[in-house]
């Protein structure tokens, strides 16, 4: 069975072209919206009691204490192999190095004589990091969120993850010096972070990917009037788009497509190339490599959402990629950096055949919490500045105000805002009297 049959773009109708790059339908429905709304309200009203009930219902686990104890963390540290600890340390160092370079400089300029303007940065006081588990414990997401939060100097950092929390997640959190860890998942975890309960503290901003219930909960809480909170970004199923020319290695491309497809059944992978021969080889390699992989069921479902498309030239490939706006974009061409200048919409870009998407997922240093489902057109991946606020400052000298006053008076008059003008003229009068 051939899971993805190459398609030539030039032979497609306008409607077929549009459907080729359509993302898989998420399972959002009015039923999910109502269920999430109910969960949020129950947690707000009943606190820990609601968390207990929902955990028993959805996770089939009865939990007396939601917070992970110090002893549990110590036990996790003992159980982790030395080789994994070393790998986590190397990845953490790379992530720290890249994210420390993101610390924004203070802006301090004199826009005109006597008028000083600044931009200063302050950390968000409290943040909640949601770490998904499901079919795989994503302890790498702990690194991707906790490290920039620490670099940004957030005062209170809380982690929530579905029970039972794996030793890998506990060890990684402890490695990042995060000790407020709660075994709670799903929409109820987002509700707890948004409203606070007897056990789980309320936070100012929530980060992290999750399933449709988690995503829907994040969408709803930022729209509620009874909860002043923000989130990192909207999110959907994971996705990868690869652009390659005839010199690319088909085994590499097939491996990259499969690596992203194994995230889940709603994932989507797209391969754009100028070579029909390469497209056929990649398709054959997908079949060949698939039989050796453990998560075949996830991958096969994801491949049903996926396409291989042959286009006339690489510029056309990039244009199509920009239209799609992928979470991950890989460029495996002879001169990949030449195409980078044309890229306008992508969460993270991987240049050349030796830059697999897996490197960014784990250890190269960039962040793997990225916008999906087309949000790469307007959102960026998580960085240090997402854990900070930017505050502007202005300071005028008497001479600076006198010089700028006529401009402000004319503008405020034009907008018919007399009180604005008066705040200027009253000061100008005092300064002129002193002179």
Protein backbone atom coordinates (compact mmCIF):
# COMPACT_ATOMS: atom_id res chain seq x y z
CA UNK A 1 0.00 0.00 0.00
CA UNK A 2 1.30 3.46 -0.92
CA UNK A 3 0.43 5.88 1.86
CA UNK A 4 1.15 9.14 0.00
CA UNK A 5 0.89 9.32 -3.79
CA UNK A 6 2.81 12.24 -5.37
CA UNK A 7 0.61 14.84 -7.08
CA UNK A 8 1.66 17.33 -9.76
CA UNK A 9 0.49 20.82 -8.85
CA UNK A 10 0.08 21.99 -12.44
CA UNK A 11 -2.46 19.25 -13.11
CA UNK A 12 -4.71 20.23 -10.21
CA UNK A 13 -7.82 22.38 -10.46
CA UNK A 14 -8.20 25.48 -8.29
CA UNK A 15 -10.46 23.60 -5.89
CA UNK A 16 -8.06 20.64 -5.74
CA UNK A 17 -5.14 22.96 -4.99
CA UNK A 18 -7.05 24.51 -2.13
CA UNK A 19 -7.99 21.14 -0.66
CA UNK A 20 -4.44 19.77 -0.95
CA UNK A 21 -3.13 22.10 1.74
CA UNK A 22 -6.24 22.01 3.88
CA UNK A 23 -5.42 21.11 7.44
CA UNK A 24 -7.11 18.11 9.02
CA UNK A 25 -10.38 18.91 10.70
CA UNK A 26 -9.91 19.13 14.43
CA UNK A 27 -12.47 17.43 16.57
CA UNK A 28 -13.70 20.73 17.97
CA UNK A 29 -17.46 20.75 18.30
CA UNK A 30 -20.17 22.49 20.23
CA UNK A 31 -20.14 19.46 22.52
CA UNK A 32 -16.47 20.02 23.41
CA UNK A 33 -17.03 23.75 23.87
CA UNK A 34 -19.92 23.10 26.27
CA UNK A 35 -17.98 20.43 28.15
CA UNK A 36 -14.96 22.70 28.60
CA UNK A 37 -17.20 25.58 29.68
CA UNK A 38 -18.73 23.28 32.31
CA UNK A 39 -15.31 22.14 33.51
CA UNK A 40 -14.06 25.71 33.87
CA UNK A 41 -17.11 26.73 35.90
CA UNK A 42 -16.99 23.65 38.12
CA UNK A 43 -13.33 24.22 38.98
CA UNK A 44 -13.96 27.90 39.64
CA UNK A 45 -16.82 27.09 42.02
CA UNK A 46 -15.68 23.85 43.67
CA UNK A 47 -11.89 24.07 43.45
CA UNK A 48 -10.01 20.92 44.47
CA UNK A 49 -13.23 18.91 44.79
CA UNK A 50 -13.91 19.46 41.07
CA UNK A 51 -10.31 18.57 40.23
CA UNK A 52 -10.64 15.33 42.15
CA UNK A 53 -13.89 14.42 40.39
CA UNK A 54 -12.59 15.22 36.89
CA UNK A 55 -9.33 13.34 37.47
CA UNK A 56 -11.26 10.29 38.57
CA UNK A 57 -13.59 10.61 35.57
CA UNK A 58 -11.06 11.33 32.81
CA UNK A 59 -7.79 9.83 34.09
CA UNK A 60 -9.34 7.00 36.11
CA UNK A 61 -7.08 7.89 39.03
CA UNK A 62 -8.02 8.81 42.59
CA UNK A 63 -5.63 11.49 43.85
CA UNK A 64 -5.54 12.74 47.43
CA UNK A 65 -2.68 15.22 47.02
CA UNK A 66 -2.30 17.04 43.72
CA UNK A 67 1.10 18.50 44.57
CA UNK A 68 4.12 16.30 43.97
CA UNK A 69 6.16 15.82 47.14
CA UNK A 70 9.88 16.33 47.57
CA UNK A 71 10.23 12.59 48.20
CA UNK A 72 8.55 11.77 44.87
CA UNK A 73 11.01 14.07 43.12
CA UNK A 74 13.93 12.42 44.91
CA UNK A 75 12.68 8.99 43.87
CA UNK A 76 12.43 10.14 40.27
CA UNK A 77 16.02 11.41 40.38
CA UNK A 78 17.21 7.99 41.49
CA UNK A 79 15.31 6.14 38.77
CA UNK A 80 16.64 8.18 35.82
CA UNK A 81 19.62 6.68 34.00
CA UNK A 82 22.89 8.58 33.97
CA UNK A 83 22.93 8.70 30.16
CA UNK A 84 19.51 10.39 30.08
CA UNK A 85 20.56 12.86 32.76
CA UNK A 86 23.61 13.77 30.69
CA UNK A 87 21.50 14.18 27.53
CA UNK A 88 19.05 16.43 29.38
CA UNK A 89 21.97 18.51 30.67
CA UNK A 90 23.43 19.00 27.18
CA UNK A 91 20.05 19.92 25.71
CA UNK A 92 19.36 22.31 28.59
CA UNK A 93 22.69 24.05 28.11
CA UNK A 94 22.00 24.63 24.41
CA UNK A 95 18.49 25.89 25.10
CA UNK A 96 19.81 28.18 27.83
CA UNK A 97 22.55 29.57 25.57
CA UNK A 98 20.11 30.40 22.77
CA UNK A 99 17.45 31.86 25.03
CA UNK A 100 19.88 33.98 27.07
CA UNK A 101 20.81 35.65 23.79
CA UNK A 102 17.15 36.69 23.47
CA UNK A 103 17.19 38.97 26.51
CA UNK A 104 16.12 42.32 25.05
CA UNK A 105 18.25 45.39 25.51
CA UNK A 106 16.86 48.40 27.35
CA UNK A 107 15.86 51.13 24.89
CA UNK A 108 16.84 54.60 26.04
CA UNK A 109 16.70 57.40 23.47
CA UNK A 110 16.22 61.14 23.31
CA UNK A 111 13.57 61.66 20.63
CA UNK A 112 14.29 65.38 20.66
CA UNK A 113 16.26 67.60 23.07
CA UNK A 114 14.80 67.29 26.56
CA UNK A 115 12.45 64.39 25.69
CA UNK A 116 13.75 61.04 26.94
CA UNK A 117 11.91 57.78 26.11
CA UNK A 118 12.73 54.31 27.42
CA UNK A 119 11.51 50.74 27.16
CA UNK A 120 12.22 48.57 30.18
CA UNK A 121 11.44 44.88 30.69
CA UNK A 122 9.85 43.24 33.71
CA UNK A 123 9.08 39.55 34.25
CA UNK A 124 5.54 38.22 34.41
CA UNK A 125 5.19 37.42 38.10
CA UNK A 126 3.52 34.00 37.90
CA UNK A 127 3.33 31.54 35.01
CA UNK A 128 1.79 28.11 34.57
CA UNK A 129 3.50 25.55 32.37
CA UNK A 130 1.27 22.79 31.00
CA UNK A 131 3.25 19.67 30.11
CA UNK A 132 1.26 17.18 28.02
CA UNK A 133 1.61 13.46 28.61
CA UNK A 134 -0.92 11.27 26.81
CA UNK A 135 0.82 8.57 24.80
CA UNK A 136 4.29 9.97 25.55
CA UNK A 137 5.72 12.01 28.45
CA UNK A 138 7.01 15.19 26.82
CA UNK A 139 9.69 16.07 29.35
CA UNK A 140 11.49 18.05 26.63
CA UNK A 141 8.64 20.58 26.86
CA UNK A 142 9.67 21.20 30.47
CA UNK A 143 13.05 22.38 29.21
CA UNK A 144 11.47 24.51 26.48
CA UNK A 145 9.21 26.36 28.91
CA UNK A 146 11.00 26.33 32.27
CA UNK A 147 14.35 27.56 30.97
CA UNK A 148 13.08 30.79 29.33
CA UNK A 149 10.79 31.38 32.32
CA UNK A 150 13.80 31.22 34.64
CA UNK A 151 15.90 33.41 32.35
CA UNK A 152 13.09 35.98 32.35
CA UNK A 153 13.17 35.90 36.18
CA UNK A 154 9.53 34.89 36.66
CA UNK A 155 8.95 34.74 40.41
CA UNK A 156 6.42 31.89 40.60
CA UNK A 157 6.61 29.00 38.11
CA UNK A 158 4.02 26.22 38.35
CA UNK A 159 3.93 22.99 36.34
CA UNK A 160 0.78 20.94 35.68
CA UNK A 161 0.83 17.59 33.93
CA UNK A 162 -1.64 14.69 33.72
CA UNK A 163 -1.26 11.89 36.28
CA UNK A 164 0.66 9.77 36.78
CA UNK A 165 3.52 12.16 36.06
CA UNK A 166 6.52 10.32 34.65
CA UNK A 167 9.87 10.26 36.42
CA UNK A 168 11.40 11.94 33.35
CA UNK A 169 9.12 14.97 33.73
CA UNK A 170 9.74 15.17 37.48
CA UNK A 171 13.50 14.91 37.06
CA UNK A 172 13.57 17.55 34.31
CA UNK A 173 11.44 19.94 36.36
CA UNK A 174 13.75 19.48 39.35
CA UNK A 175 16.76 19.97 37.05
CA UNK A 176 15.25 23.33 36.08
CA UNK A 177 14.71 24.10 39.79
CA UNK A 178 10.92 24.03 39.53
CA UNK A 179 9.39 22.46 42.65
CA UNK A 180 5.73 23.49 42.34
CA UNK A 181 4.52 20.49 40.34
CA UNK A 182 0.89 19.37 40.26
CA UNK A 183 -0.50 16.11 38.87
CA UNK A 184 -3.53 17.43 37.05
CA UNK A 185 -4.24 17.48 33.33
CA UNK A 186 -6.76 18.46 30.70
CA UNK A 187 -9.10 21.45 30.73
CA UNK A 188 -9.34 21.13 34.52
CA UNK A 189 -5.63 21.92 34.83
CA UNK A 190 -6.05 25.06 32.74
CA UNK A 191 -9.03 26.04 34.89
CA UNK A 192 -7.02 25.53 38.08
CA UNK A 193 -4.20 27.73 36.80
CA UNK A 194 -6.67 30.37 35.64
CA UNK A 195 -8.85 30.60 38.76
CA UNK A 196 -6.72 29.00 41.45
CA UNK A 197 -7.92 26.36 43.93
CA UNK A 198 -7.17 25.48 47.54
CA UNK A 199 -4.06 23.64 46.32
CA UNK A 200 -3.05 25.11 42.97
CA UNK A 201 -2.15 28.81 42.78
CA UNK A 202 -3.62 31.11 40.17
CA UNK A 203 -1.13 32.37 37.56
CA UNK A 204 -0.95 35.36 35.23
CA UNK A 205 -0.10 33.51 32.02
CA UNK A 206 -0.38 29.92 30.82
CA UNK A 207 2.06 28.21 28.46
CA UNK A 208 2.21 24.84 26.78
CA UNK A 209 0.55 22.62 24.17
CA UNK A 210 -2.19 20.07 24.79
CA UNK A 211 -5.12 18.15 23.35
CA UNK A 212 -8.34 19.69 22.01
CA UNK A 213 -9.74 20.11 25.53
CA UNK A 214 -6.64 21.94 26.73
CA UNK A 215 -6.60 24.15 23.64
CA UNK A 216 -10.30 24.93 23.96
CA UNK A 217 -9.85 25.74 27.65
CA UNK A 218 -7.03 28.16 26.84
CA UNK A 219 -9.21 29.82 24.19
CA UNK A 220 -12.13 30.21 26.57
CA UNK A 221 -10.30 31.56 29.60
CA UNK A 222 -8.83 34.54 27.72
CA UNK A 223 -12.35 35.52 26.67
CA UNK A 224 -13.89 35.41 30.15
CA UNK A 225 -14.59 38.57 32.12
CA UNK A 226 -14.13 36.80 35.47
CA UNK A 227 -10.52 35.87 34.70
CA UNK A 228 -7.71 38.24 33.73
CA UNK A 229 -5.13 35.96 32.22
CA UNK A 230 -3.19 35.46 28.99
CA UNK A 231 -1.85 32.46 27.06
CA UNK A 232 1.21 31.83 24.94
CA UNK A 233 -0.55 31.18 21.60
CA UNK A 234 -3.36 29.26 19.93
CA UNK A 235 -2.32 25.75 18.97
CA UNK A 236 -3.47 22.81 16.91
CA UNK A 237 -2.08 19.46 15.73
CA UNK A 238 1.64 19.35 14.97
CA UNK A 239 2.81 19.84 11.36
CA UNK A 240 5.87 19.76 9.12
CA UNK A 241 6.49 21.02 5.58
CA UNK A 242 9.62 20.05 3.64
CA UNK A 243 10.97 21.72 0.48
CA UNK A 244 13.61 19.79 -1.47
CA UNK A 245 15.29 19.72 -4.86
CA UNK A 246 16.50 16.77 -6.92
CA UNK A 247 19.77 16.48 -4.96
CA UNK A 248 18.08 15.78 -1.63
CA UNK A 249 18.37 12.37 0.02
CA UNK A 250 14.99 10.56 -0.03
CA UNK A 251 15.75 8.44 3.05
CA UNK A 252 16.32 11.61 5.09
CA UNK A 253 13.10 13.24 3.92
CA UNK A 254 11.01 10.14 4.57
CA UNK A 255 12.48 9.84 8.07
CA UNK A 256 11.70 13.49 8.81
CA UNK A 257 8.12 13.19 7.59
CA UNK A 258 7.56 10.07 9.69
CA UNK A 259 9.14 11.64 12.78
CA UNK A 260 6.58 14.42 12.74
CA UNK A 261 3.68 12.16 11.80
CA UNK A 262 4.21 10.08 14.95
CA UNK A 263 3.13 13.00 17.17
CA UNK A 264 -0.51 12.05 16.73
CA UNK A 265 -3.29 11.05 14.34
CA UNK A 266 -4.17 14.68 13.57
CA UNK A 267 -0.62 15.64 12.66
CA UNK A 268 0.08 16.67 9.08
CA UNK A 269 3.22 16.43 6.94
CA UNK A 270 3.69 17.99 3.51
CA UNK A 271 6.49 17.48 1.03
CA UNK A 272 7.03 19.99 -1.79
CA UNK A 273 9.62 19.27 -4.48
CA UNK A 274 10.59 20.08 -8.04
CA UNK A 275 11.56 16.46 -8.76
CA UNK A 276 8.99 13.78 -9.61
CA UNK A 277 11.70 11.14 -9.27
CA UNK A 278 12.57 12.28 -5.75
CA UNK A 279 8.89 12.38 -4.82
CA UNK A 280 8.45 8.74 -5.86
CA UNK A 281 11.56 7.68 -3.91
CA UNK A 282 10.37 9.50 -0.78
CA UNK A 283 6.96 7.86 -1.06
CA UNK A 284 8.58 4.42 -1.36
CA UNK A 285 10.88 5.14 1.60
CA UNK A 286 7.93 6.13 3.77
CA UNK A 287 6.44 2.69 3.21
CA UNK A 288 9.78 1.00 3.86
CA UNK A 289 10.59 2.85 7.09
CA UNK A 290 7.07 2.80 8.47
CA UNK A 291 7.03 -0.93 9.15
CA UNK A 292 9.93 -0.57 11.61
CA UNK A 293 8.26 2.10 13.77
CA UNK A 294 6.35 1.49 17.01
CA UNK A 295 3.70 4.20 16.61
CA UNK A 296 2.38 2.97 13.27
CA UNK A 297 -1.26 3.60 14.10
CA UNK A 298 -0.64 7.28 14.83
CA UNK A 299 1.56 7.65 11.76
CA UNK A 300 -0.84 5.99 9.32
CA UNK A 301 -3.67 8.27 10.45
CA UNK A 302 -1.43 11.31 10.08
CA UNK A 303 -0.31 10.21 6.60
CA UNK A 304 -3.96 10.20 5.54
CA UNK A 305 -3.87 13.97 6.17
CA UNK A 306 -0.62 14.43 4.27
CA UNK A 307 0.51 15.11 0.70
CA UNK A 308 3.51 15.07 -1.63
CA UNK A 309 3.32 17.77 -4.32
CA UNK A 310 5.54 18.37 -7.36
CA UNK A 311 5.93 22.02 -8.44
CA UNK A 312 7.76 23.76 -11.29
CA UNK A 313 10.43 25.58 -9.27
CA UNK A 314 11.69 26.22 -5.75
CA UNK A 315 10.32 29.76 -5.61
CA UNK A 316 6.86 28.33 -6.18
CA UNK A 317 7.50 25.84 -3.36
CA UNK A 318 8.35 28.65 -0.94
CA UNK A 319 5.32 30.68 -2.01
CA UNK A 320 3.08 27.71 -1.31
CA UNK A 321 4.77 27.17 2.04
CA UNK A 322 4.19 30.81 2.98
CA UNK A 323 0.53 30.40 2.11
CA UNK A 324 0.31 27.35 4.37
CA UNK A 325 2.41 28.83 7.23
CA UNK A 326 3.86 25.61 8.72
CA UNK A 327 4.84 25.04 12.31
CA UNK A 328 8.10 23.44 11.12
CA UNK A 329 9.70 24.16 7.73
CA UNK A 330 12.63 22.11 6.46
CA UNK A 331 14.58 23.23 3.39
CA UNK A 332 16.73 20.45 1.94
CA UNK A 333 18.14 22.02 -1.23
CA UNK A 334 21.61 22.65 -2.63
CA UNK A 335 21.60 26.23 -1.29
CA UNK A 336 18.98 26.31 1.45
CA UNK A 337 20.01 29.66 2.92
CA UNK A 338 19.27 31.33 -0.42
CA UNK A 339 15.60 30.38 0.02
CA UNK A 340 15.49 31.59 3.64
CA UNK A 341 15.16 35.19 2.45
CA UNK A 342 11.88 34.27 0.75
CA UNK A 343 10.37 32.64 3.85
CA UNK A 344 7.79 34.85 5.57
CA UNK A 345 5.55 32.41 7.47
CA UNK A 346 6.98 29.56 9.56
CA UNK A 347 7.30 28.69 13.22
CA UNK A 348 10.84 27.30 12.96
CA UNK A 349 13.08 26.69 9.94
CA UNK A 350 15.60 23.87 9.48
CA UNK A 351 18.24 24.47 6.80
CA UNK A 352 20.06 21.71 4.95
CA UNK A 353 20.06 17.94 5.02
CA UNK A 354 21.96 17.76 8.32
CA UNK A 355 19.36 19.75 10.27
CA UNK A 356 16.57 17.31 11.17
CA UNK A 357 13.43 18.61 12.81
CA UNK A 358 14.18 16.30 15.74
CA UNK A 359 17.16 18.50 16.61
CA UNK A 360 14.85 21.44 17.24
CA UNK A 361 12.42 19.27 19.16
CA UNK A 362 15.09 18.34 21.67
CA UNK A 363 18.49 19.86 21.82
CA UNK A 364 19.70 22.36 19.20
CA UNK A 365 18.66 25.27 21.43
CA UNK A 366 15.63 26.75 19.68
CA UNK A 367 12.19 26.40 21.23
CA UNK A 368 9.80 23.68 20.11
CA UNK A 369 6.65 25.35 21.44
CA UNK A 370 5.51 26.83 18.12
CA UNK A 371 2.39 28.20 16.44
CA UNK A 372 0.42 25.63 14.45
CA UNK A 373 -2.68 25.48 12.26
CA UNK A 374 -1.62 28.54 10.25
CA UNK A 375 -1.00 30.79 13.25
CA UNK A 376 2.66 31.06 12.15
CA UNK A 377 1.39 33.87 9.91
CA UNK A 378 0.82 36.08 12.97
CA UNK A 379 2.42 34.35 15.98
CA UNK A 380 5.99 33.42 16.92
CA UNK A 381 7.37 30.48 18.86
CA UNK A 382 7.89 30.80 22.61
CA UNK A 383 10.87 32.91 23.65
CA UNK A 384 12.14 34.78 26.70
CA UNK A 385 10.15 37.91 25.82
CA UNK A 386 6.90 35.93 26.14
CA UNK A 387 7.66 35.66 29.85
CA UNK A 388 8.21 39.40 30.18
CA UNK A 389 6.30 42.65 29.82
CA UNK A 390 7.64 45.72 28.09
CA UNK A 391 7.02 49.02 29.87
CA UNK A 392 7.62 52.39 28.24
CA UNK A 393 8.94 55.38 30.19
CA UNK A 394 9.11 59.05 29.26
CA UNK A 395 10.75 61.96 31.04
CA UNK A 396 10.64 65.55 29.83
CA UNK A 397 12.78 68.44 31.01
CA UNK A 398 11.20 71.91 31.27
CA UNK A 399 12.92 72.92 28.04
CA UNK A 400 11.81 69.68 26.40
CA UNK A 401 8.17 70.34 27.34
CA UNK A 402 8.30 73.93 26.10
CA UNK A 403 9.67 72.75 22.78
CA UNK A 404 7.13 69.96 22.35
CA UNK A 405 4.12 71.85 23.77
CA UNK A 406 2.95 73.53 20.52
CA UNK A 407 2.86 70.17 18.75
CA UNK A 408 0.81 68.56 21.53
CA UNK A 409 -1.59 71.53 21.71
CA UNK A 410 -2.27 71.44 17.98
CA UNK A 411 -2.86 67.69 18.00
CA UNK A 412 -5.14 67.72 21.07
CA UNK A 413 -7.12 70.65 19.65
CA UNK A 414 -7.60 68.76 16.40
CA UNK A 415 -9.03 65.82 18.36
CA UNK A 416 -11.18 68.22 20.44
CA UNK A 417 -9.68 66.94 23.71
CA UNK A 418 -9.53 70.13 25.77
CA UNK A 419 -8.36 68.48 28.98
CA UNK A 420 -5.36 67.04 27.16
CA UNK A 421 -4.44 70.52 25.92
CA UNK A 422 -4.98 72.08 29.35
CA UNK A 423 -2.54 69.58 30.95
CA UNK A 424 0.08 71.13 28.65
CA UNK A 425 -0.87 74.81 28.72
CA UNK A 426 -1.07 74.97 32.52
CA UNK A 427 2.53 73.77 32.76
CA UNK A 428 3.71 76.04 29.97
CA UNK A 429 2.21 79.05 31.80
CA UNK A 430 4.10 78.22 34.99
CA UNK A 431 7.37 77.77 33.07
CA UNK A 432 6.96 81.07 31.23
CA UNK A 433 6.26 82.88 34.51
CA UNK A 434 9.48 81.47 35.97
CA UNK A 435 11.40 82.58 32.90
